[in-house]
C-alpha atoms as a PDB file:
ATOM      1  CA  UNK A   1     119.763  92.123 131.740  1.00  0.00           C
ATOM      2  CA  UNK A   2     116.606  91.748 133.851  1.00  0.00           C
ATOM      3  CA  UNK A   3     114.729  88.500 133.459  1.00  0.00           C
ATOM      4  CA  UNK A   4     110.944  88.305 133.463  1.00  0.00           C
ATOM      5  CA  UNK A   5     108.511  85.366 133.432  1.00  0.00           C
ATOM      6  CA  UNK A   6     111.261  82.786 132.945  1.00  0.00           C
ATOM      7  CA  UNK A   7     109.890  79.313 133.457  1.00  0.00           C
ATOM      8  CA  UNK A   8     111.257  76.007 132.186  1.00  0.00           C
ATOM      9  CA  UNK A   9     112.165  72.562 133.446  1.00  0.00           C
ATOM     10  CA  UNK A  10     115.043  70.271 132.632  1.00  0.00           C
ATOM     11  CA  UNK A  11     114.744  66.553 133.277  1.00  0.00           C
ATOM     12  CA  UNK A  12     117.437  64.021 134.016  1.00  0.00           C
ATOM     13  CA  UNK A  13     119.644  63.327 131.011  1.00  0.00           C
ATOM     14  CA  UNK A  14     118.299  66.274 129.023  1.00  0.00           C
ATOM     15  CA  UNK A  15     120.365  68.842 127.184  1.00  0.00           C
ATOM     16  CA  UNK A  16     118.729  72.258 127.361  1.00  0.00           C
ATOM     17  CA  UNK A  17     120.327  75.102 125.422  1.00  0.00           C
ATOM     18  CA  UNK A  18     119.924  78.832 125.966  1.00  0.00           C
ATOM     19  CA  UNK A  19     120.564  81.277 123.152  1.00  0.00           C
ATOM     20  CA  UNK A  20     119.870  84.932 122.496  1.00  0.00           C
ATOM     21  CA  UNK A  21     121.597  88.060 121.252  1.00  0.00           C
ATOM     22  CA  UNK A  22     123.991  90.066 123.451  1.00  0.00           C
ATOM     23  CA  UNK A  23     122.142  91.540 126.428  1.00  0.00           C
ATOM     24  CA  UNK A  24     119.226  89.093 126.156  1.00  0.00           C
ATOM     25  CA  UNK A  25     119.856  87.704 129.667  1.00  0.00           C
ATOM     26  CA  UNK A  26     121.756  84.462 128.963  1.00  0.00           C
ATOM     27  CA  UNK A  27     124.568  85.060 131.460  1.00  0.00           C
ATOM     28  CA  UNK A  28     122.174  86.423 134.098  1.00  0.00           C
ATOM     29  CA  UNK A  29     120.206  83.181 133.822  1.00  0.00           C
ATOM     30  CA  UNK A  30     123.384  81.065 134.150  1.00  0.00           C
ATOM     31  CA  UNK A  31     124.421  83.115 137.210  1.00  0.00           C
ATOM     32  CA  UNK A  32     121.021  82.597 138.827  1.00  0.00           C
ATOM     33  CA  UNK A  33     121.438  78.848 138.314  1.00  0.00           C
ATOM     34  CA  UNK A  34     124.740  78.863 140.233  1.00  0.00           C
ATOM     35  CA  UNK A  35     123.465  81.206 142.964  1.00  0.00           C
ATOM     36  CA  UNK A  36     125.563  84.251 142.128  1.00  0.00           C
ATOM     37  CA  UNK A  37     122.208  86.029 142.562  1.00  0.00           C
ATOM     38  CA  UNK A  38     118.985  84.940 144.184  1.00  0.00           C
ATOM     39  CA  UNK A  39     115.745  85.477 142.268  1.00  0.00           C
ATOM     40  CA  UNK A  40     113.741  88.473 143.494  1.00  0.00           C
ATOM     41  CA  UNK A  41     110.534  86.578 142.710  1.00  0.00           C
ATOM     42  CA  UNK A  42     109.901  82.899 142.107  1.00  0.00           C
ATOM     43  CA  UNK A  43     112.314  80.080 142.832  1.00  0.00           C
ATOM     44  CA  UNK A  44     114.671  77.563 141.274  1.00  0.00           C
ATOM     45  CA  UNK A  45     113.965  73.992 142.309  1.00  0.00           C
ATOM     46  CA  UNK A  46     116.424  71.087 142.089  1.00  0.00           C
ATOM     47  CA  UNK A  47     115.265  67.567 143.013  1.00  0.00           C
ATOM     48  CA  UNK A  48     112.061  69.042 144.426  1.00  0.00           C
ATOM     49  CA  UNK A  49     113.881  71.413 146.803  1.00  0.00           C
ATOM     50  CA  UNK A  50     114.330  75.179 146.401  1.00  0.00           C
ATOM     51  CA  UNK A  51     118.050  75.864 145.835  1.00  0.00           C
ATOM     52  CA  UNK A  52     118.250  78.339 148.711  1.00  0.00           C
ATOM     53  CA  UNK A  53     117.481  75.456 151.109  1.00  0.00           C
ATOM     54  CA  UNK A  54     120.750  73.698 150.216  1.00  0.00           C
ATOM     55  CA  UNK A  55     123.990  74.706 151.901  1.00  0.00           C
ATOM     56  CA  UNK A  56     126.368  76.388 149.431  1.00  0.00           C
ATOM     57  CA  UNK A  57     128.683  73.335 149.550  1.00  0.00           C
ATOM     58  CA  UNK A  58     125.857  70.812 149.062  1.00  0.00           C
ATOM     59  CA  UNK A  59     124.590  72.782 146.102  1.00  0.00           C
ATOM     60  CA  UNK A  60     127.993  73.319 144.485  1.00  0.00           C
ATOM     61  CA  UNK A  61     128.716  69.576 144.806  1.00  0.00           C
ATOM     62  CA  UNK A  62     125.750  68.927 142.511  1.00  0.00           C
ATOM     63  CA  UNK A  63     126.850  71.494 139.923  1.00  0.00           C
ATOM     64  CA  UNK A  64     129.637  71.525 137.361  1.00  0.00           C
ATOM     65  CA  UNK A  65     130.024  75.087 136.081  1.00  0.00           C
ATOM     66  CA  UNK A  66     132.287  76.058 133.190  1.00  0.00           C
ATOM     67  CA  UNK A  67     132.601  79.808 132.546  1.00  0.00           C
ATOM     68  CA  UNK A  68     133.294  81.368 129.169  1.00  0.00           C
ATOM     69  CA  UNK A  69     136.994  81.849 129.885  1.00  0.00           C
ATOM     70  CA  UNK A  70     138.803  78.669 130.935  1.00  0.00           C
ATOM     71  CA  UNK A  71     140.396  79.414 134.298  1.00  0.00           C
ATOM     72  CA  UNK A  72     143.465  77.407 135.265  1.00  0.00           C
ATOM     73  CA  UNK A  73     146.021  78.075 137.980  1.00  0.00           C
ATOM     74  CA  UNK A  74     149.691  77.349 138.595  1.00  0.00           C
ATOM     75  CA  UNK A  75     150.621  73.791 139.499  1.00  0.00           C
ATOM     76  CA  UNK A  76     150.225  70.831 137.145  1.00  0.00           C
ATOM     77  CA  UNK A  77     147.487  69.863 134.706  1.00  0.00           C
ATOM     78  CA  UNK A  78     146.626  66.997 137.071  1.00  0.00           C
ATOM     79  CA  UNK A  79     146.196  69.445 140.005  1.00  0.00           C
ATOM     80  CA  UNK A  80     143.934  71.585 137.846  1.00  0.00           C
ATOM     81  CA  UNK A  81     141.625  68.745 136.835  1.00  0.00           C
ATOM     82  CA  UNK A  82     141.565  67.144 140.303  1.00  0.00           C
ATOM     83  CA  UNK A  83     140.505  70.461 141.797  1.00  0.00           C
ATOM     84  CA  UNK A  84     137.010  69.365 140.719  1.00  0.00           C
ATOM     85  CA  UNK A  85     137.231  66.136 142.749  1.00  0.00           C
ATOM     86  CA  UNK A  86     140.246  65.740 145.021  1.00  0.00           C
ATOM     87  CA  UNK A  87     139.759  61.980 145.408  1.00  0.00           C
ATOM     88  CA  UNK A  88     139.564  61.289 141.670  1.00  0.00           C
ATOM     89  CA  UNK A  89     141.835  58.492 140.434  1.00  0.00           C
ATOM     90  CA  UNK A  90     144.209  59.021 137.515  1.00  0.00           C
ATOM     91  CA  UNK A  91     141.887  56.831 135.434  1.00  0.00           C
ATOM     92  CA  UNK A  92     138.919  59.128 136.207  1.00  0.00           C
ATOM     93  CA  UNK A  93     141.022  62.188 135.363  1.00  0.00           C
ATOM     94  CA  UNK A  94     142.055  60.613 132.053  1.00  0.00           C
ATOM     95  CA  UNK A  95     138.423  59.756 131.207  1.00  0.00           C
ATOM     96  CA  UNK A  96     137.285  63.341 131.918  1.00  0.00           C
ATOM     97  CA  UNK A  97     140.180  64.717 129.832  1.00  0.00           C
ATOM     98  CA  UNK A  98     139.299  62.353 126.990  1.00  0.00           C
ATOM     99  CA  UNK A  99     135.697  63.621 126.932  1.00  0.00           C
ATOM    100  CA  UNK A 100     136.758  67.279 127.184  1.00  0.00           C
ATOM    101  CA  UNK A 101     139.203  66.710 124.292  1.00  0.00           C
ATOM    102  CA  UNK A 102     142.062  67.870 126.559  1.00  0.00           C
ATOM    103  CA  UNK A 103     143.730  64.429 126.317  1.00  0.00           C
ATOM    104  CA  UNK A 104     144.441  65.242 122.652  1.00  0.00           C
ATOM    105  CA  UNK A 105     147.099  67.801 123.516  1.00  0.00           C
ATOM    106  CA  UNK A 106     148.107  66.486 126.979  1.00  0.00           C
ATOM    107  CA  UNK A 107     149.418  63.235 125.494  1.00  0.00           C
ATOM    108  CA  UNK A 108     151.803  65.237 123.301  1.00  0.00           C
ATOM    109  CA  UNK A 109     153.336  67.061 126.283  1.00  0.00           C
ATOM    110  CA  UNK A 110     156.612  65.666 127.580  1.00  0.00           C
ATOM    111  CA  UNK A 111     155.324  65.355 131.169  1.00  0.00           C
ATOM    112  CA  UNK A 112     151.708  64.542 130.262  1.00  0.00           C
ATOM    113  CA  UNK A 113     149.363  65.183 133.208  1.00  0.00           C
ATOM    114  CA  UNK A 114     152.322  66.324 135.343  1.00  0.00           C
ATOM    115  CA  UNK A 115     153.084  69.158 132.923  1.00  0.00           C
ATOM    116  CA  UNK A 116     153.526  72.479 134.668  1.00  0.00           C
ATOM    117  CA  UNK A 117     150.973  75.247 134.383  1.00  0.00           C
ATOM    118  CA  UNK A 118     152.324  78.764 134.773  1.00  0.00           C
ATOM    119  CA  UNK A 119     150.417  81.521 136.577  1.00  0.00           C
ATOM    120  CA  UNK A 120     146.988  82.064 134.971  1.00  0.00           C
ATOM    121  CA  UNK A 121     147.892  79.247 132.546  1.00  0.00           C
ATOM    122  CA  UNK A 122     149.822  81.597 130.285  1.00  0.00           C
ATOM    123  CA  UNK A 123     151.678  78.671 128.692  1.00  0.00           C
ATOM    124  CA  UNK A 124     148.438  77.259 127.237  1.00  0.00           C
ATOM    125  CA  UNK A 125     146.100  78.589 124.557  1.00  0.00           C
ATOM    126  CA  UNK A 126     142.536  79.732 125.274  1.00  0.00           C
ATOM    127  CA  UNK A 127     141.115  76.533 123.778  1.00  0.00           C
ATOM    128  CA  UNK A 128     143.485  74.334 125.810  1.00  0.00           C
ATOM    129  CA  UNK A 129     142.602  76.150 129.045  1.00  0.00           C
ATOM    130  CA  UNK A 130     138.935  75.726 128.224  1.00  0.00           C
ATOM    131  CA  UNK A 131     139.330  71.977 127.702  1.00  0.00           C
ATOM    132  CA  UNK A 132     141.166  71.602 131.030  1.00  0.00           C
ATOM    133  CA  UNK A 133     138.429  73.531 132.858  1.00  0.00           C
ATOM    134  CA  UNK A 134     135.728  71.383 131.208  1.00  0.00           C
ATOM    135  CA  UNK A 135     137.608  68.233 132.360  1.00  0.00           C
ATOM    136  CA  UNK A 136     137.675  69.692 135.904  1.00  0.00           C
ATOM    137  CA  UNK A 137     133.879  70.029 135.891  1.00  0.00           C
ATOM    138  CA  UNK A 138     133.374  66.556 134.392  1.00  0.00           C
ATOM    139  CA  UNK A 139     135.610  64.672 136.824  1.00  0.00           C
ATOM    140  CA  UNK A 140     133.257  65.465 139.718  1.00  0.00           C
ATOM    141  CA  UNK A 141     130.394  63.793 137.770  1.00  0.00           C
ATOM    142  CA  UNK A 142     127.847  66.460 138.733  1.00  0.00           C
ATOM    143  CA  UNK A 143     124.065  66.098 138.477  1.00  0.00           C
ATOM    144  CA  UNK A 144     123.871  69.388 136.569  1.00  0.00           C
ATOM    145  CA  UNK A 145     126.452  70.728 134.115  1.00  0.00           C
ATOM    146  CA  UNK A 146     126.262  74.388 133.148  1.00  0.00           C
ATOM    147  CA  UNK A 147     128.318  75.534 130.172  1.00  0.00           C
ATOM    148  CA  UNK A 148     128.283  79.336 130.128  1.00  0.00           C
ATOM    149  CA  UNK A 149     129.335  79.965 126.528  1.00  0.00           C
ATOM    150  CA  UNK A 150     132.192  77.548 127.251  1.00  0.00           C
ATOM    151  CA  UNK A 151     132.422  76.227 123.701  1.00  0.00           C
ATOM    152  CA  UNK A 152     133.200  79.573 122.068  1.00  0.00           C
ATOM    153  CA  UNK A 153     136.991  79.095 122.459  1.00  0.00           C
ATOM    154  CA  UNK A 154     136.801  75.736 120.665  1.00  0.00           C
ATOM    155  CA  UNK A 155     136.798  75.184 116.921  1.00  0.00           C
ATOM    156  CA  UNK A 156     133.669  73.558 115.519  1.00  0.00           C
ATOM    157  CA  UNK A 157     135.269  70.133 115.055  1.00  0.00           C
ATOM    158  CA  UNK A 158     136.391  69.952 118.728  1.00  0.00           C
ATOM    159  CA  UNK A 159     133.035  71.383 119.857  1.00  0.00           C
ATOM    160  CA  UNK A 160     131.127  68.665 117.984  1.00  0.00           C
ATOM    161  CA  UNK A 161     133.332  65.768 119.162  1.00  0.00           C
ATOM    162  CA  UNK A 162     133.163  66.985 122.766  1.00  0.00           C
ATOM    163  CA  UNK A 163     129.363  67.148 122.747  1.00  0.00           C
ATOM    164  CA  UNK A 164     129.109  63.668 121.208  1.00  0.00           C
ATOM    165  CA  UNK A 165     131.357  62.206 123.929  1.00  0.00           C
ATOM    166  CA  UNK A 166     129.557  64.141 126.656  1.00  0.00           C
ATOM    167  CA  UNK A 167     126.237  62.485 125.825  1.00  0.00           C
ATOM    168  CA  UNK A 168     127.698  59.039 126.534  1.00  0.00           C
ATOM    169  CA  UNK A 169     129.885  60.048 129.492  1.00  0.00           C
ATOM    170  CA  UNK A 170     127.213  61.465 131.807  1.00  0.00           C
ATOM    171  CA  UNK A 171     123.931  60.157 130.380  1.00  0.00           C
ATOM    172  CA  UNK A 172     121.860  61.043 133.473  1.00  0.00           C
ATOM    173  CA  UNK A 173     123.218  64.534 134.109  1.00  0.00           C
ATOM    174  CA  UNK A 174     121.254  67.596 133.068  1.00  0.00           C
ATOM    175  CA  UNK A 175     123.315  69.656 130.654  1.00  0.00           C
ATOM    176  CA  UNK A 176     122.530  73.349 130.285  1.00  0.00           C
ATOM    177  CA  UNK A 177     124.419  74.963 127.429  1.00  0.00           C
ATOM    178  CA  UNK A 178     124.445  78.750 127.136  1.00  0.00           C
ATOM    179  CA  UNK A 179     125.780  79.559 123.677  1.00  0.00           C
ATOM    180  CA  UNK A 180     126.013  82.164 120.971  1.00  0.00           C
ATOM    181  CA  UNK A 181     126.455  79.915 117.978  1.00  0.00           C
ATOM    182  CA  UNK A 182     123.619  77.753 116.737  1.00  0.00           C
ATOM    183  CA  UNK A 183     126.033  75.047 115.578  1.00  0.00           C
ATOM    184  CA  UNK A 184     126.790  74.286 119.248  1.00  0.00           C
ATOM    185  CA  UNK A 185     123.175  73.828 120.310  1.00  0.00           C
ATOM    186  CA  UNK A 186     121.196  72.570 117.329  1.00  0.00           C
ATOM    187  CA  UNK A 187     121.187  68.963 118.609  1.00  0.00           C
ATOM    188  CA  UNK A 188     119.938  69.938 122.117  1.00  0.00           C
ATOM    189  CA  UNK A 189     116.684  68.326 123.297  1.00  0.00           C
ATOM    190  CA  UNK A 190     115.251  71.815 123.778  1.00  0.00           C
ATOM    191  CA  UNK A 191     116.452  75.296 122.973  1.00  0.00           C
ATOM    192  CA  UNK A 192     115.285  78.295 124.975  1.00  0.00           C
ATOM    193  CA  UNK A 193     115.472  81.550 123.026  1.00  0.00           C
ATOM    194  CA  UNK A 194     115.828  84.726 125.093  1.00  0.00           C
ATOM    195  CA  UNK A 195     115.118  88.238 123.907  1.00  0.00           C
ATOM    196  CA  UNK A 196     115.193  91.252 126.241  1.00  0.00           C
ATOM    197  CA  UNK A 197     115.031  89.034 129.323  1.00  0.00           C
ATOM    198  CA  UNK A 198     111.978  87.060 128.154  1.00  0.00           C
ATOM    199  CA  UNK A 199     111.568  83.584 126.654  1.00  0.00           C
ATOM    200  CA  UNK A 200     110.410  83.943 123.049  1.00  0.00           C
ATOM    201  CA  UNK A 201     110.984  80.328 122.001  1.00  0.00           C
ATOM    202  CA  UNK A 202     111.265  76.938 123.711  1.00  0.00           C
ATOM    203  CA  UNK A 203     111.489  74.078 121.217  1.00  0.00           C
ATOM    204  CA  UNK A 204     113.802  71.976 119.042  1.00  0.00           C
ATOM    205  CA  UNK A 205     116.083  73.528 116.419  1.00  0.00           C
ATOM    206  CA  UNK A 206     113.865  72.291 113.568  1.00  0.00           C
ATOM    207  CA  UNK A 207     110.691  73.740 115.075  1.00  0.00           C
ATOM    208  CA  UNK A 208     112.311  77.052 116.042  1.00  0.00           C
ATOM    209  CA  UNK A 209     113.543  77.448 112.465  1.00  0.00           C
ATOM    210  CA  UNK A 210     109.863  77.247 111.459  1.00  0.00           C
ATOM    211  CA  UNK A 211     108.166  79.254 114.184  1.00  0.00           C
ATOM    212  CA  UNK A 212     110.548  81.599 116.079  1.00  0.00           C
ATOM    213  CA  UNK A 213     111.474  84.879 114.400  1.00  0.00           C
ATOM    214  CA  UNK A 214     114.319  85.734 116.824  1.00  0.00           C
ATOM    215  CA  UNK A 215     115.907  82.300 116.332  1.00  0.00           C
ATOM    216  CA  UNK A 216     115.526  82.558 112.551  1.00  0.00           C
ATOM    217  CA  UNK A 217     117.311  85.928 112.649  1.00  0.00           C
ATOM    218  CA  UNK A 218     120.211  84.526 114.695  1.00  0.00           C
ATOM    219  CA  UNK A 219     120.513  81.585 112.280  1.00  0.00           C
ATOM    220  CA  UNK A 220     120.365  83.882 109.267  1.00  0.00           C
ATOM    221  CA  UNK A 221     123.073  86.186 110.605  1.00  0.00           C
ATOM    222  CA  UNK A 222     125.334  83.207 111.372  1.00  0.00           C
ATOM    223  CA  UNK A 223     124.816  81.697 107.948  1.00  0.00           C
ATOM    224  CA  UNK A 224     125.472  84.941 106.128  1.00  0.00           C
ATOM    225  CA  UNK A 225     128.140  86.318 108.451  1.00  0.00           C
ATOM    226  CA  UNK A 226     130.340  83.243 108.462  1.00  0.00           C
ATOM    227  CA  UNK A 227     130.453  79.536 107.963  1.00  0.00           C
ATOM    228  CA  UNK A 228     129.819  78.217 111.499  1.00  0.00           C
ATOM    229  CA  UNK A 229     126.587  76.445 110.666  1.00  0.00           C
ATOM    230  CA  UNK A 230     127.802  75.324 107.257  1.00  0.00           C
ATOM    231  CA  UNK A 231     131.060  74.082 108.787  1.00  0.00           C
ATOM    232  CA  UNK A 232     129.086  72.218 111.455  1.00  0.00           C
ATOM    233  CA  UNK A 233     127.008  70.496 108.783  1.00  0.00           C
ATOM    234  CA  UNK A 234     130.180  69.479 106.951  1.00  0.00           C
ATOM    235  CA  UNK A 235     131.517  67.715 110.085  1.00  0.00           C
ATOM    236  CA  UNK A 236     128.196  66.005 110.770  1.00  0.00           C
ATOM    237  CA  UNK A 237     128.044  64.376 107.357  1.00  0.00           C
END
């Protein structure tokens, strides 16, 4: 989807969420942020410098990117997480896995962090792979974390716990969460609502529920079509 007139800022420690229906431009925006594409017009500025002025390595060192599908490769779980930061200590790996909720299932494996991963991680579920790939992004302690619909493979309870831990783990990092379900983003500092490549809302969940038609429609469809939001509220009580 083509993006037009997109302008927003994210400050240190903020969680900014991006939501919109399919084809609204969410993934395009995430891919611009990680330099898959360069903007045709305008620029993206990080720490006062346009991102095309950084070397690719310099820039990628600042970013932790988690795609929608957790990607893990053959080796061990430890190898997979340390791929994010080769010099990470076991303690740092364990902390990242605790935040990503991967530690929950790793501790039940006979070989723990030395458990083998088969090609493409076929011996782990989608949710487990996702948690390992989130731990890999966290262990490098990046300035900017970009979750590109990375919570969709997680159940609501894991999603909620992970986001609560994340807030404390990297308090100064900017967190950008691209999501489809409102339950995942309703506690964000700001939510950007995209529709046909344009921003149609940029506010908190409460305010958008009052003043943004597109957001109201997404919320309505999620409340009527399933119990995501209701389930979320149950866990928050």
